[in-house]
């Protein structure tokens, strides 16, 4: 009868050991401060180790970083049309198109995660470069509002200006943190542990924060009213085309943007010019005109270009 409690104790110890092994699947992350985040990313199929190890304090390579971001945000080429089959080397000169990470680099290149074109796949990615690529990956999911503050740190002068916004964003959003001496260490290679931790925070952010709703497109209201044209023969070979319109006030104008020849037609494209915002104009409807010359061999047709060349630009609908 005394053997039963002993057997239960042994079984309980084995169960605790087994649970411990399942909670910390990597044998070298048990004492890492980011162990729980690393394990969660592993359970989600985003990261993997080798021979049961993650090597948390190892330096992250570009190839591992790109693969991590592509998996972490489930990035893909859906909705992108290519005129030819894309290759990793189209975007990154030193990436082998047959390497295991080639597909991830194609996606990173097509979505423009802000990585150097001449990067070495096995080279180490710095903390500021990873911050930039991470934020570019976040932006593929939508636009987000961030608190308008600047977090000062002791080594901010060392941050590449091209990466400063991303560094600020990862600090503001608490994906990353400064060390005890208020340093970010932008030029240092990021460790695999920190990279996993930042990614974990960014994924949680995307999953919990609603993107900003895009502003609705405003309809384009052309200032050119009663747009028409008149054709007059200059001689047997040349015809004069005069385009006229009315505009809200004398600050507006009319110009010939271009002439496109399609078969037997000459399409005269016109566009409005806009007022100087620093000037004042009388609010009087005004007649404007523009003249061009076209060969008599063509039939003239008229079209308006819905864009401006100067002054304040109205909302222009997508073409």
Protein backbone atom coordinates (compact mmCIF):
# COMPACT_ATOMS: atom_id res chain seq x y z
CA UNK A 1 0.00 0.00 0.00
CA UNK A 2 2.96 2.31 0.67
CA UNK A 3 4.14 1.89 -2.94
CA UNK A 4 1.03 3.63 -4.35
CA UNK A 5 1.79 7.13 -2.97
CA UNK A 6 5.37 6.78 -4.22
CA UNK A 7 4.15 5.77 -7.67
CA UNK A 8 1.79 8.74 -7.77
CA UNK A 9 4.62 11.06 -6.78
CA UNK A 10 6.86 9.73 -9.54
CA UNK A 11 4.06 10.06 -12.10
CA UNK A 12 3.35 13.61 -10.93
CA UNK A 13 7.01 14.56 -11.32
CA UNK A 14 7.10 13.07 -14.80
CA UNK A 15 3.95 15.02 -15.72
CA UNK A 16 5.45 18.28 -14.44
CA UNK A 17 8.62 17.59 -16.42
CA UNK A 18 6.61 16.80 -19.57
CA UNK A 19 4.55 19.97 -19.16
CA UNK A 20 7.69 21.95 -18.66
CA UNK A 21 9.09 20.56 -21.88
CA UNK A 22 5.91 21.44 -23.80
CA UNK A 23 5.73 24.98 -22.38
CA UNK A 24 9.32 25.74 -23.28
CA UNK A 25 9.73 23.83 -26.55
CA UNK A 26 13.20 25.31 -27.17
CA UNK A 27 15.78 23.98 -24.77
CA UNK A 28 17.80 27.21 -24.80
CA UNK A 29 15.03 29.78 -24.16
CA UNK A 30 13.96 28.83 -20.63
CA UNK A 31 15.92 31.70 -19.07
CA UNK A 32 15.40 34.17 -21.91
CA UNK A 33 13.23 37.20 -20.97
CA UNK A 34 11.26 36.76 -24.21
CA UNK A 35 10.72 33.01 -23.79
CA UNK A 36 6.91 33.19 -23.62
CA UNK A 37 6.70 35.36 -26.76
CA UNK A 38 9.10 33.08 -28.61
CA UNK A 39 7.05 30.05 -27.66
CA UNK A 40 3.81 31.66 -28.78
CA UNK A 41 5.31 32.52 -32.17
CA UNK A 42 6.48 28.92 -32.45
CA UNK A 43 3.01 27.61 -31.66
CA UNK A 44 1.63 29.85 -34.41
CA UNK A 45 4.09 28.39 -36.90
CA UNK A 46 5.94 31.68 -37.37
CA UNK A 47 9.34 30.67 -36.00
CA UNK A 48 11.23 27.42 -35.78
CA UNK A 49 14.51 26.35 -34.34
CA UNK A 50 17.07 23.72 -35.15
CA UNK A 51 17.67 20.58 -33.12
CA UNK A 52 15.34 21.89 -30.43
CA UNK A 53 17.21 25.17 -30.05
CA UNK A 54 16.32 28.74 -31.00
CA UNK A 55 19.68 30.42 -30.23
CA UNK A 56 17.95 33.51 -28.79
CA UNK A 57 21.11 35.58 -28.40
CA UNK A 58 22.33 34.78 -31.89
CA UNK A 59 22.36 37.61 -34.44
CA UNK A 60 19.47 37.70 -36.93
CA UNK A 61 20.36 37.43 -40.61
CA UNK A 62 18.54 39.25 -43.39
CA UNK A 63 17.20 35.96 -44.74
CA UNK A 64 15.80 35.00 -41.32
CA UNK A 65 14.39 38.51 -40.78
CA UNK A 66 12.57 38.57 -44.12
CA UNK A 67 11.16 35.08 -43.58
CA UNK A 68 10.07 36.08 -40.08
CA UNK A 69 8.20 39.17 -41.27
CA UNK A 70 6.57 37.43 -44.24
CA UNK A 71 5.31 34.61 -42.01
CA UNK A 72 4.42 36.87 -39.10
CA UNK A 73 2.12 39.10 -41.14
CA UNK A 74 1.10 36.45 -43.65
CA UNK A 75 2.38 38.65 -46.48
CA UNK A 76 1.67 37.52 -50.02
CA UNK A 77 1.39 38.70 -53.61
CA UNK A 78 -2.42 38.59 -53.80
CA UNK A 79 -3.75 41.46 -55.84
CA UNK A 80 -0.44 42.22 -57.56
CA UNK A 81 -0.23 41.66 -61.31
CA UNK A 82 3.16 41.00 -62.87
CA UNK A 83 4.07 41.32 -66.55
CA UNK A 84 6.59 38.50 -66.03
CA UNK A 85 7.33 35.95 -63.34
CA UNK A 86 8.99 37.83 -60.48
CA UNK A 87 12.38 36.78 -59.16
CA UNK A 88 14.12 37.67 -55.94
CA UNK A 89 17.09 39.00 -57.91
CA UNK A 90 14.77 41.56 -59.54
CA UNK A 91 14.66 43.31 -56.17
CA UNK A 92 17.88 42.24 -54.41
CA UNK A 93 21.07 41.89 -56.39
CA UNK A 94 22.75 39.38 -54.06
CA UNK A 95 19.81 37.03 -53.45
CA UNK A 96 19.96 33.63 -55.14
CA UNK A 97 16.70 32.87 -56.97
CA UNK A 98 16.98 29.21 -55.96
CA UNK A 99 17.61 29.78 -52.25
CA UNK A 100 15.11 28.59 -49.64
CA UNK A 101 14.34 32.20 -48.75
CA UNK A 102 13.88 33.46 -52.34
CA UNK A 103 10.08 33.51 -52.24
CA UNK A 104 10.09 35.58 -49.06
CA UNK A 105 12.43 38.10 -50.67
CA UNK A 106 10.14 38.35 -53.72
CA UNK A 107 7.26 39.27 -51.41
CA UNK A 108 9.41 41.69 -49.39
CA UNK A 109 10.59 43.33 -52.60
CA UNK A 110 7.16 43.57 -54.22
CA UNK A 111 5.63 45.06 -51.06
CA UNK A 112 8.70 47.27 -50.48
CA UNK A 113 9.64 46.59 -46.89
CA UNK A 114 12.43 49.14 -47.19
CA UNK A 115 15.36 46.72 -47.28
CA UNK A 116 18.68 47.62 -48.96
CA UNK A 117 18.81 46.39 -52.56
CA UNK A 118 22.42 45.21 -52.13
CA UNK A 119 21.92 43.37 -48.82
CA UNK A 120 23.72 40.12 -48.16
CA UNK A 121 21.15 37.44 -47.22
CA UNK A 122 23.45 35.89 -44.63
CA UNK A 123 24.57 39.25 -43.31
CA UNK A 124 23.31 40.62 -40.00
CA UNK A 125 20.42 43.09 -39.98
CA UNK A 126 20.76 46.00 -37.57
CA UNK A 127 18.19 47.05 -35.02
CA UNK A 128 17.25 50.21 -36.91
CA UNK A 129 16.94 48.31 -40.22
CA UNK A 130 14.76 45.67 -38.62
CA UNK A 131 12.60 48.37 -36.99
CA UNK A 132 12.08 49.95 -40.42
CA UNK A 133 11.22 46.68 -42.16
CA UNK A 134 8.92 45.71 -39.27
CA UNK A 135 6.97 48.97 -39.52
CA UNK A 136 6.71 48.67 -43.30
CA UNK A 137 5.22 45.22 -42.75
CA UNK A 138 2.75 46.70 -40.24
CA UNK A 139 1.72 49.33 -42.81
CA UNK A 140 0.79 46.62 -45.32
CA UNK A 141 -2.19 45.90 -43.04
CA UNK A 142 -3.44 49.51 -42.99
CA UNK A 143 -2.72 53.02 -41.74
CA UNK A 144 -2.60 53.56 -37.99
CA UNK A 145 -2.68 56.57 -35.70
CA UNK A 146 0.28 56.95 -33.34
CA UNK A 147 0.78 59.31 -30.40
CA UNK A 148 2.60 62.43 -31.61
CA UNK A 149 5.57 62.34 -29.23
CA UNK A 150 9.32 61.99 -29.65
CA UNK A 151 11.07 59.55 -27.35
CA UNK A 152 14.55 60.84 -26.65
CA UNK A 153 17.39 58.39 -26.16
CA UNK A 154 21.08 58.73 -25.50
CA UNK A 155 22.21 57.47 -28.92
CA UNK A 156 19.54 59.05 -31.12
CA UNK A 157 22.27 60.87 -33.07
CA UNK A 158 23.46 57.46 -34.27
CA UNK A 159 20.12 56.63 -35.91
CA UNK A 160 20.01 56.92 -39.69
CA UNK A 161 17.45 59.69 -40.47
CA UNK A 162 15.77 57.31 -42.94
CA UNK A 163 15.01 54.96 -40.05
CA UNK A 164 14.21 57.46 -37.29
CA UNK A 165 10.44 57.39 -37.80
CA UNK A 166 10.38 53.59 -37.56
CA UNK A 167 12.59 53.64 -34.45
CA UNK A 168 10.21 56.12 -32.83
CA UNK A 169 7.19 54.02 -33.78
CA UNK A 170 8.57 50.78 -32.28
CA UNK A 171 9.40 52.66 -29.08
CA UNK A 172 6.08 54.53 -28.88
CA UNK A 173 4.17 51.29 -29.48
CA UNK A 174 6.36 49.45 -26.95
CA UNK A 175 7.40 46.80 -29.46
CA UNK A 176 10.94 47.68 -28.35
CA UNK A 177 12.43 49.39 -25.32
CA UNK A 178 15.60 51.32 -24.47
CA UNK A 179 18.21 49.72 -22.26
CA UNK A 180 19.00 50.80 -18.71
CA UNK A 181 21.25 53.58 -20.04
CA UNK A 182 18.53 54.93 -22.38
CA UNK A 183 20.24 53.57 -25.49
CA UNK A 184 18.61 51.97 -28.52
CA UNK A 185 21.82 50.68 -30.17
CA UNK A 186 20.61 51.33 -33.73
CA UNK A 187 23.73 50.06 -35.49
CA UNK A 188 24.00 46.84 -33.47
CA UNK A 189 22.82 43.60 -35.03
CA UNK A 190 19.47 42.62 -33.56
CA UNK A 191 19.33 39.36 -31.63
CA UNK A 192 16.90 36.62 -32.57
CA UNK A 193 15.23 37.04 -29.19
CA UNK A 194 14.62 40.77 -29.61
CA UNK A 195 13.47 40.30 -33.20
CA UNK A 196 10.90 37.75 -32.06
CA UNK A 197 9.76 40.00 -29.20
CA UNK A 198 9.29 43.06 -31.47
CA UNK A 199 7.42 40.96 -34.00
CA UNK A 200 5.17 39.54 -31.27
CA UNK A 201 4.29 43.06 -30.15
CA UNK A 202 3.63 44.23 -33.70
CA UNK A 203 1.34 41.28 -34.42
CA UNK A 204 -0.61 41.93 -31.23
CA UNK A 205 -0.89 45.59 -32.25
CA UNK A 206 -2.26 44.77 -35.72
CA UNK A 207 -4.69 42.23 -34.28
CA UNK A 208 -6.05 44.58 -31.61
CA UNK A 209 -5.94 48.07 -33.17
CA UNK A 210 -8.32 49.14 -35.92
CA UNK A 211 -6.66 50.86 -38.89
CA UNK A 212 -7.68 54.39 -39.78
CA UNK A 213 -10.57 54.51 -42.23
CA UNK A 214 -9.37 55.96 -45.55
CA UNK A 215 -10.77 59.35 -46.42
CA UNK A 216 -13.53 59.09 -49.03
CA UNK A 217 -12.59 60.41 -52.41
CA UNK A 218 -14.17 63.73 -53.18
CA UNK A 219 -15.78 64.08 -56.59
CA UNK A 220 -13.82 66.09 -59.10
CA UNK A 221 -15.62 69.28 -60.08
CA UNK A 222 -14.08 70.76 -63.18
CA UNK A 223 -13.87 74.58 -63.21
CA UNK A 224 -14.26 74.48 -66.99
CA UNK A 225 -17.87 75.14 -67.92
CA UNK A 226 -19.46 75.05 -71.38
CA UNK A 227 -16.33 73.46 -72.83
CA UNK A 228 -16.36 73.46 -76.66
CA UNK A 229 -14.12 73.93 -79.67
CA UNK A 230 -14.13 75.47 -83.12
CA UNK A 231 -12.12 74.40 -86.15
CA UNK A 232 -11.11 76.88 -88.87
CA UNK A 233 -9.00 76.15 -91.95
CA UNK A 234 -5.78 78.13 -92.12
CA UNK A 235 -4.85 76.68 -95.51
CA UNK A 236 -5.19 73.35 -97.32
CA UNK A 237 -2.86 71.61 -94.90
CA UNK A 238 -3.44 73.22 -91.52
CA UNK A 239 -6.54 73.82 -89.41
CA UNK A 240 -6.75 76.04 -86.34
CA UNK A 241 -8.45 74.57 -83.27
CA UNK A 242 -9.77 77.04 -80.71
CA UNK A 243 -11.06 75.66 -77.41
CA UNK A 244 -13.25 77.87 -75.22
CA UNK A 245 -14.75 77.53 -71.75
CA UNK A 246 -16.14 79.58 -68.89
CA UNK A 247 -14.41 79.65 -65.49
CA UNK A 248 -15.53 80.94 -62.04
CA UNK A 249 -13.12 83.89 -62.03
CA UNK A 250 -10.04 85.25 -63.87
CA UNK A 251 -7.62 83.26 -61.74
CA UNK A 252 -8.48 80.12 -63.66
CA UNK A 253 -7.16 79.39 -67.11
CA UNK A 254 -7.23 76.87 -69.93
CA UNK A 255 -4.35 75.23 -71.75
CA UNK A 256 -3.77 72.62 -74.42
CA UNK A 257 -2.20 69.70 -72.55
CA UNK A 258 -1.39 67.50 -75.54
CA UNK A 259 -2.62 66.16 -78.86
CA UNK A 260 -2.96 62.41 -79.33
CA UNK A 261 -3.27 60.95 -82.83
CA UNK A 262 -5.41 57.84 -83.12
CA UNK A 263 -5.92 56.66 -86.67
CA UNK A 264 -7.77 59.46 -88.47
CA UNK A 265 -8.55 61.38 -85.28
CA UNK A 266 -6.55 64.04 -83.44
CA UNK A 267 -7.64 64.10 -79.80
CA UNK A 268 -6.96 67.53 -78.33
CA UNK A 269 -6.52 67.22 -74.56
CA UNK A 270 -7.13 70.33 -72.49
CA UNK A 271 -6.82 71.03 -68.78
CA UNK A 272 -7.60 73.81 -66.35
CA UNK A 273 -4.92 75.89 -64.69
CA UNK A 274 -5.65 76.96 -61.13
CA UNK A 275 -5.45 80.27 -59.27
CA UNK A 276 -2.43 81.43 -57.34
CA UNK A 277 -3.51 80.82 -53.71
CA UNK A 278 -1.74 84.02 -52.63
CA UNK A 279 -3.70 86.22 -55.02
CA UNK A 280 -7.24 87.61 -54.82
CA UNK A 281 -9.53 87.62 -57.85
CA UNK A 282 -12.89 89.23 -58.60
CA UNK A 283 -15.64 86.64 -58.46
CA UNK A 284 -16.74 87.14 -62.05
CA UNK A 285 -17.46 84.34 -64.51
CA UNK A 286 -14.84 84.65 -67.23
CA UNK A 287 -14.39 83.30 -70.76
CA UNK A 288 -11.07 81.60 -71.46
CA UNK A 289 -9.63 80.05 -74.60
CA UNK A 290 -6.63 78.19 -75.97
CA UNK A 291 -5.53 77.61 -79.56
CA UNK A 292 -3.56 74.92 -81.33
CA UNK A 293 -3.00 73.76 -84.91
CA UNK A 294 -3.62 70.35 -86.40
CA UNK A 295 -3.08 68.85 -89.83
CA UNK A 296 -6.15 68.99 -92.06
CA UNK A 297 -5.80 65.22 -92.53
CA UNK A 298 -7.28 64.63 -89.07
CA UNK A 299 -10.73 64.93 -87.58
CA UNK A 300 -10.50 66.87 -84.31
CA UNK A 301 -12.06 65.52 -81.08
CA UNK A 302 -11.87 67.14 -77.66
CA UNK A 303 -11.24 65.69 -74.19
CA UNK A 304 -10.49 67.19 -70.77
CA UNK A 305 -7.59 66.03 -68.60
CA UNK A 306 -8.83 65.76 -65.01
CA UNK A 307 -5.70 67.05 -63.30
CA UNK A 308 -3.98 70.37 -62.73
CA UNK A 309 -0.57 71.85 -63.45
CA UNK A 310 -0.29 74.63 -60.84
CA UNK A 311 -1.88 76.26 -57.83
CA UNK A 312 -4.21 74.40 -55.50
CA UNK A 313 -5.10 70.93 -56.69
CA UNK A 314 -8.66 69.62 -56.34
CA UNK A 315 -9.38 66.00 -55.55
CA UNK A 316 -8.90 64.01 -58.73
CA UNK A 317 -10.74 60.70 -59.14
CA UNK A 318 -8.74 57.55 -59.80
CA UNK A 319 -8.32 56.92 -63.49
